[in-house]
Amino acid sequence: SQGHAHALNLRDSGVKEVAVVGTGTASGDLGGLTKEEIDKVVKSRAGLIKACYQKELDKQKGLGGKLVVKFTIAPAGDVTKAAPDNSKSSLQNTAVSDCVVRQIMKLKFPAKGGGVVNYPFIFSQG
């Protein structure tokens, strides 16, 4: 599978830094959703979100920091709006934030009335 080849590529040169993605706690007007439910859905795309960061980390050594994404969940569970909250983010890298926002837009949450969520990602090198 394609995903398999990817994992091996990261190890083929000793100079690459390994991307590590941590998450903080969801905050905001969560509607009928719990923080745990939001966490579970966001983490289902953790590999793709990590890939957003790894790609830029390979180009820019030492890149890292916190990225807070603010997104709106519609009552049916779709994400209708997502954007980086630059005032709360220390990672100011458009390529990473655009890529992460694209992944967030694809998420599907339980249909529980929706809400507006602030979600922090912590990007660092392992």
N, C-alpha and C. Protein backbone atom coordinates (compact mmCIF):
# COMPACT_ATOMS: atom_id res chain seq x y z
N SER A 1 0.84 -1.20 0.00
CA SER A 1 0.00 0.00 0.00
C SER A 1 0.87 1.25 0.00
N GLN A 2 0.32 2.32 -0.46
CA GLN A 2 1.06 3.58 -0.59
C GLN A 2 1.50 4.09 0.79
N GLY A 3 0.61 3.98 1.76
CA GLY A 3 0.90 4.47 3.11
C GLY A 3 2.14 3.80 3.69
N HIS A 4 2.33 2.54 3.32
CA HIS A 4 3.45 1.77 3.82
C HIS A 4 4.78 2.32 3.33
N ALA A 5 4.83 2.62 2.05
CA ALA A 5 6.05 3.16 1.45
C ALA A 5 6.42 4.48 2.12
N HIS A 6 5.40 5.26 2.44
CA HIS A 6 5.61 6.54 3.10
C HIS A 6 6.36 6.39 4.42
N ALA A 7 5.92 5.45 5.22
CA ALA A 7 6.52 5.26 6.54
C ALA A 7 8.00 4.92 6.40
N LEU A 8 8.32 4.12 5.40
CA LEU A 8 9.71 3.71 5.20
C LEU A 8 10.56 4.89 4.73
N ASN A 9 9.98 5.74 3.90
CA ASN A 9 10.72 6.89 3.37
C ASN A 9 11.27 7.78 4.47
N LEU A 10 10.52 7.91 5.55
CA LEU A 10 10.94 8.80 6.62
C LEU A 10 12.24 8.32 7.27
N ARG A 11 12.52 7.02 7.14
CA ARG A 11 13.70 6.48 7.80
C ARG A 11 14.89 6.37 6.85
N ASP A 12 14.71 6.72 5.59
CA ASP A 12 15.78 6.43 4.64
C ASP A 12 16.98 7.37 4.76
N SER A 13 16.83 8.50 5.43
CA SER A 13 18.01 9.35 5.62
C SER A 13 18.09 9.74 7.08
N GLY A 14 19.29 9.68 7.61
CA GLY A 14 19.47 9.93 9.03
C GLY A 14 19.23 11.38 9.43
N VAL A 15 19.14 12.29 8.45
CA VAL A 15 19.09 13.71 8.81
C VAL A 15 17.68 14.21 9.09
N LYS A 16 16.68 13.47 8.69
CA LYS A 16 15.32 13.98 8.87
C LYS A 16 14.93 14.03 10.33
N GLU A 17 14.22 15.07 10.68
CA GLU A 17 13.69 15.16 12.03
C GLU A 17 12.31 14.51 12.00
N VAL A 18 11.97 13.83 13.07
CA VAL A 18 10.69 13.13 13.11
C VAL A 18 9.64 14.06 13.71
N ALA A 19 8.56 14.22 12.97
CA ALA A 19 7.48 15.09 13.42
C ALA A 19 6.69 14.44 14.54
N VAL A 20 6.41 15.21 15.57
CA VAL A 20 5.56 14.74 16.66
C VAL A 20 4.40 15.73 16.79
N VAL A 21 3.20 15.19 16.86
CA VAL A 21 2.03 16.06 17.00
C VAL A 21 1.31 15.72 18.29
N GLY A 22 1.18 16.71 19.14
CA GLY A 22 0.39 16.55 20.36
C GLY A 22 -0.86 17.40 20.22
N THR A 23 -1.83 17.16 21.07
CA THR A 23 -3.04 17.98 21.02
C THR A 23 -3.37 18.47 22.41
N GLY A 24 -4.01 19.62 22.45
CA GLY A 24 -4.50 20.14 23.72
C GLY A 24 -5.96 19.76 23.86
N THR A 25 -6.69 20.51 24.65
CA THR A 25 -8.10 20.20 24.90
C THR A 25 -8.98 21.12 24.08
N ALA A 26 -10.02 20.55 23.51
CA ALA A 26 -11.00 21.34 22.76
C ALA A 26 -11.69 22.32 23.70
N SER A 27 -11.90 23.55 23.22
CA SER A 27 -12.65 24.51 24.01
C SER A 27 -13.60 25.25 23.09
N GLY A 28 -14.46 26.10 23.66
CA GLY A 28 -15.41 26.84 22.84
C GLY A 28 -16.82 26.40 23.15
N ASP A 29 -17.72 26.70 22.22
CA ASP A 29 -19.12 26.31 22.39
C ASP A 29 -19.29 24.96 21.70
N LEU A 30 -19.15 23.90 22.47
CA LEU A 30 -19.10 22.55 21.88
C LEU A 30 -20.47 22.01 21.51
N GLY A 31 -21.53 22.76 21.79
CA GLY A 31 -22.87 22.29 21.47
C GLY A 31 -23.16 21.03 22.27
N GLY A 32 -23.68 20.00 21.63
CA GLY A 32 -24.01 18.77 22.33
C GLY A 32 -22.87 17.77 22.37
N LEU A 33 -21.72 18.16 21.82
CA LEU A 33 -20.59 17.23 21.74
C LEU A 33 -19.71 17.31 22.98
N THR A 34 -19.12 16.19 23.35
CA THR A 34 -18.18 16.21 24.47
C THR A 34 -16.77 16.42 23.91
N LYS A 35 -15.87 16.83 24.79
CA LYS A 35 -14.47 17.01 24.38
C LYS A 35 -13.90 15.69 23.87
N GLU A 36 -14.33 14.59 24.51
CA GLU A 36 -13.84 13.26 24.12
C GLU A 36 -14.27 12.92 22.70
N GLU A 37 -15.53 13.23 22.37
CA GLU A 37 -16.02 12.94 21.01
C GLU A 37 -15.26 13.75 19.97
N ILE A 38 -15.01 15.00 20.28
CA ILE A 38 -14.28 15.87 19.35
C ILE A 38 -12.86 15.35 19.17
N ASP A 39 -12.23 15.01 20.29
CA ASP A 39 -10.88 14.44 20.28
C ASP A 39 -10.78 13.21 19.39
N LYS A 40 -11.73 12.31 19.57
CA LYS A 40 -11.71 11.04 18.85
C LYS A 40 -11.77 11.28 17.33
N VAL A 41 -12.64 12.19 16.92
CA VAL A 41 -12.80 12.46 15.49
C VAL A 41 -11.55 13.15 14.93
N VAL A 42 -11.04 14.15 15.66
CA VAL A 42 -9.84 14.85 15.18
C VAL A 42 -8.67 13.88 15.08
N LYS A 43 -8.54 13.01 16.09
CA LYS A 43 -7.40 12.08 16.10
C LYS A 43 -7.51 11.00 15.04
N SER A 44 -8.70 10.82 14.47
CA SER A 44 -8.85 9.85 13.39
C SER A 44 -8.05 10.29 12.15
N ARG A 45 -7.72 11.57 12.09
CA ARG A 45 -6.91 12.07 10.97
C ARG A 45 -5.52 12.49 11.42
N ALA A 46 -5.10 12.00 12.57
CA ALA A 46 -3.82 12.42 13.15
C ALA A 46 -2.65 12.17 12.20
N GLY A 47 -2.67 11.06 11.50
CA GLY A 47 -1.58 10.73 10.58
C GLY A 47 -1.46 11.74 9.46
N LEU A 48 -2.61 12.18 8.94
CA LEU A 48 -2.62 13.14 7.84
C LEU A 48 -2.21 14.53 8.33
N ILE A 49 -2.63 14.85 9.55
CA ILE A 49 -2.26 16.14 10.14
C ILE A 49 -0.75 16.17 10.41
N LYS A 50 -0.23 15.04 10.87
CA LYS A 50 1.21 14.93 11.10
C LYS A 50 1.97 15.08 9.78
N ALA A 51 1.43 14.52 8.72
CA ALA A 51 2.08 14.61 7.40
C ALA A 51 2.18 16.06 6.94
N CYS A 52 1.18 16.88 7.27
CA CYS A 52 1.20 18.32 6.93
C CYS A 52 2.44 18.96 7.52
N TYR A 53 2.72 18.61 8.76
CA TYR A 53 3.84 19.19 9.49
C TYR A 53 5.17 18.59 9.03
N GLN A 54 5.20 17.25 8.85
CA GLN A 54 6.44 16.58 8.45
C GLN A 54 6.97 17.16 7.14
N LYS A 55 6.06 17.40 6.21
CA LYS A 55 6.44 17.91 4.89
C LYS A 55 7.20 19.24 5.02
N GLU A 56 6.70 20.13 5.86
CA GLU A 56 7.33 21.44 6.03
C GLU A 56 8.57 21.36 6.93
N LEU A 57 8.54 20.43 7.89
CA LEU A 57 9.69 20.24 8.79
C LEU A 57 10.91 19.79 7.99
N ASP A 58 10.66 18.97 6.95
CA ASP A 58 11.76 18.50 6.11
C ASP A 58 12.43 19.68 5.40
N LYS A 59 11.65 20.72 5.11
CA LYS A 59 12.19 21.89 4.40
C LYS A 59 12.79 22.90 5.37
N GLN A 60 12.24 22.94 6.58
CA GLN A 60 12.61 23.99 7.53
C GLN A 60 12.91 23.37 8.89
N LYS A 61 14.17 23.06 9.11
CA LYS A 61 14.60 22.43 10.36
C LYS A 61 14.21 23.29 11.56
N GLY A 62 13.78 22.64 12.62
CA GLY A 62 13.46 23.38 13.84
C GLY A 62 12.07 23.99 13.86
N LEU A 63 11.30 23.78 12.79
CA LEU A 63 9.94 24.30 12.75
C LEU A 63 9.10 23.64 13.84
N GLY A 64 8.27 24.41 14.50
CA GLY A 64 7.40 23.83 15.52
C GLY A 64 6.60 24.90 16.22
N GLY A 65 5.74 24.47 17.13
CA GLY A 65 4.94 25.42 17.89
C GLY A 65 3.50 24.97 17.99
N LYS A 66 2.69 25.88 18.48
CA LYS A 66 1.28 25.56 18.70
C LYS A 66 0.44 26.18 17.58
N LEU A 67 -0.49 25.40 17.07
CA LEU A 67 -1.43 25.89 16.06
C LEU A 67 -2.83 25.65 16.60
N VAL A 68 -3.58 26.73 16.78
CA VAL A 68 -4.96 26.60 17.23
C VAL A 68 -5.86 26.78 16.01
N VAL A 69 -6.69 25.77 15.75
CA VAL A 69 -7.64 25.86 14.64
C VAL A 69 -9.03 26.05 15.23
N LYS A 70 -9.72 27.06 14.72
CA LYS A 70 -11.11 27.31 15.15
C LYS A 70 -12.01 26.80 14.04
N PHE A 71 -12.92 25.90 14.40
CA PHE A 71 -13.81 25.37 13.36
C PHE A 71 -15.25 25.28 13.83
N THR A 72 -16.15 25.34 12.85
CA THR A 72 -17.58 25.32 13.11
C THR A 72 -18.15 23.99 12.64
N ILE A 73 -18.87 23.33 13.55
CA ILE A 73 -19.51 22.05 13.22
C ILE A 73 -21.00 22.32 13.03
N ALA A 74 -21.53 21.92 11.89
CA ALA A 74 -22.96 22.09 11.61
C ALA A 74 -23.76 21.06 12.41
N PRO A 75 -25.07 21.32 12.59
CA PRO A 75 -25.91 20.37 13.35
C PRO A 75 -25.80 18.92 12.85
N ALA A 76 -25.60 18.74 11.55
CA ALA A 76 -25.51 17.38 11.00
C ALA A 76 -24.13 16.75 11.21
N GLY A 77 -23.17 17.54 11.72
CA GLY A 77 -21.86 16.98 12.02
C GLY A 77 -20.75 17.34 11.04
N ASP A 78 -21.11 18.00 9.94
CA ASP A 78 -20.09 18.43 8.99
C ASP A 78 -19.38 19.68 9.49
N VAL A 79 -18.13 19.84 9.10
CA VAL A 79 -17.40 21.07 9.43
C VAL A 79 -17.67 22.07 8.30
N THR A 80 -18.23 23.23 8.65
CA THR A 80 -18.60 24.21 7.63
C THR A 80 -17.57 25.31 7.48
N LYS A 81 -16.75 25.48 8.51
CA LYS A 81 -15.77 26.57 8.49
C LYS A 81 -14.59 26.18 9.36
N ALA A 82 -13.39 26.46 8.90
CA ALA A 82 -12.20 26.20 9.72
C ALA A 82 -11.11 27.19 9.34
N ALA A 83 -10.41 27.69 10.34
CA ALA A 83 -9.33 28.65 10.08
C ALA A 83 -8.37 28.65 11.26
N PRO A 84 -7.10 28.95 11.00
CA PRO A 84 -6.17 29.06 12.12
C PRO A 84 -6.47 30.30 12.94
N ASP A 85 -6.34 30.19 14.25
CA ASP A 85 -6.48 31.36 15.12
C ASP A 85 -5.07 31.86 15.39
N ASN A 86 -4.62 32.78 14.54
CA ASN A 86 -3.22 33.22 14.61
C ASN A 86 -2.87 33.93 15.91
N SER A 87 -3.86 34.54 16.54
CA SER A 87 -3.58 35.25 17.79
C SER A 87 -3.22 34.28 18.91
N LYS A 88 -3.67 33.01 18.80
CA LYS A 88 -3.39 32.02 19.84
C LYS A 88 -2.32 31.02 19.40
N SER A 89 -1.80 31.19 18.19
CA SER A 89 -0.86 30.21 17.63
C SER A 89 0.56 30.74 17.61
N SER A 90 1.50 29.90 18.04
CA SER A 90 2.91 30.30 17.94
C SER A 90 3.53 29.79 16.64
N LEU A 91 2.90 28.78 16.03
CA LEU A 91 3.39 28.28 14.75
C LEU A 91 2.78 29.14 13.65
N GLN A 92 3.59 29.98 13.05
CA GLN A 92 3.08 30.84 11.97
C GLN A 92 3.65 30.30 10.67
N ASN A 93 3.04 29.24 10.16
CA ASN A 93 3.50 28.65 8.91
C ASN A 93 2.27 28.35 8.07
N THR A 94 2.08 29.15 7.02
CA THR A 94 0.86 29.06 6.22
C THR A 94 0.68 27.69 5.58
N ALA A 95 1.78 27.09 5.13
CA ALA A 95 1.68 25.78 4.48
C ALA A 95 1.13 24.74 5.45
N VAL A 96 1.63 24.74 6.68
CA VAL A 96 1.15 23.78 7.68
C VAL A 96 -0.30 24.09 8.04
N SER A 97 -0.60 25.36 8.34
CA SER A 97 -1.96 25.67 8.79
C SER A 97 -2.99 25.43 7.69
N ASP A 98 -2.66 25.76 6.43
CA ASP A 98 -3.60 25.51 5.33
C ASP A 98 -3.88 24.02 5.18
N CYS A 99 -2.82 23.23 5.29
CA CYS A 99 -2.94 21.78 5.15
C CYS A 99 -3.78 21.19 6.29
N VAL A 100 -3.52 21.64 7.52
CA VAL A 100 -4.28 21.16 8.68
C VAL A 100 -5.75 21.55 8.54
N VAL A 101 -6.01 22.80 8.11
CA VAL A 101 -7.38 23.27 7.92
C VAL A 101 -8.11 22.39 6.90
N ARG A 102 -7.40 22.02 5.82
CA ARG A 102 -8.02 21.14 4.81
C ARG A 102 -8.44 19.81 5.42
N GLN A 103 -7.60 19.27 6.31
CA GLN A 103 -7.94 18.00 6.97
C GLN A 103 -9.13 18.17 7.91
N ILE A 104 -9.16 19.27 8.65
CA ILE A 104 -10.26 19.54 9.59
C ILE A 104 -11.59 19.65 8.83
N MET A 105 -11.54 20.27 7.65
CA MET A 105 -12.76 20.45 6.85
C MET A 105 -13.37 19.10 6.42
N LYS A 106 -12.56 18.05 6.41
CA LYS A 106 -13.04 16.73 5.98
C LYS A 106 -13.64 15.92 7.13
N LEU A 107 -13.52 16.42 8.34
CA LEU A 107 -14.00 15.66 9.50
C LEU A 107 -15.52 15.58 9.52
N LYS A 108 -16.01 14.50 10.11
CA LYS A 108 -17.46 14.32 10.27
C LYS A 108 -17.70 13.96 11.73
N PHE A 109 -18.43 14.81 12.42
CA PHE A 109 -18.70 14.61 13.85
C PHE A 109 -20.09 14.01 14.05
N PRO A 110 -20.35 13.44 15.23
CA PRO A 110 -21.71 12.97 15.51
C PRO A 110 -22.70 14.13 15.37
N ALA A 111 -23.87 13.85 14.83
CA ALA A 111 -24.88 14.90 14.62
C ALA A 111 -25.56 15.23 15.95
N LYS A 112 -24.99 16.18 16.67
CA LYS A 112 -25.53 16.53 17.98
C LYS A 112 -25.73 18.03 18.14
N GLY A 113 -26.11 18.69 17.06
CA GLY A 113 -26.40 20.11 17.18
C GLY A 113 -25.26 21.04 16.81
N GLY A 114 -24.06 20.48 16.62
CA GLY A 114 -22.95 21.32 16.18
C GLY A 114 -22.37 22.21 17.26
N GLY A 115 -21.46 23.09 16.86
CA GLY A 115 -20.80 23.98 17.81
C GLY A 115 -19.62 24.67 17.16
N VAL A 116 -18.95 25.50 17.96
CA VAL A 116 -17.74 26.18 17.48
C VAL A 116 -16.60 25.78 18.40
N VAL A 117 -15.56 25.21 17.82
CA VAL A 117 -14.50 24.59 18.60
C VAL A 117 -13.15 25.26 18.33
N ASN A 118 -12.40 25.48 19.40
CA ASN A 118 -10.99 25.88 19.28
C ASN A 118 -10.17 24.65 19.64
N TYR A 119 -9.31 24.23 18.71
CA TYR A 119 -8.58 22.98 18.95
C TYR A 119 -7.08 23.21 18.75
N PRO A 120 -6.29 23.00 19.82
CA PRO A 120 -4.85 23.23 19.72
C PRO A 120 -4.05 21.99 19.32
N PHE A 121 -3.16 22.18 18.36
CA PHE A 121 -2.20 21.15 17.97
C PHE A 121 -0.81 21.64 18.37
N ILE A 122 -0.01 20.76 18.93
CA ILE A 122 1.35 21.11 19.32
C ILE A 122 2.32 20.34 18.42
N PHE A 123 3.07 21.05 17.61
CA PHE A 123 4.00 20.42 16.68
C PHE A 123 5.43 20.54 17.20
N SER A 124 6.12 19.39 17.27
CA SER A 124 7.51 19.41 17.74
C SER A 124 8.29 18.29 17.06
N GLN A 125 9.61 18.30 17.26
CA GLN A 125 10.45 17.25 16.67
C GLN A 125 10.78 16.21 17.73
N GLY A 126 10.71 14.96 17.31
CA GLY A 126 10.98 13.88 18.24
C GLY A 126 12.44 13.50 18.26
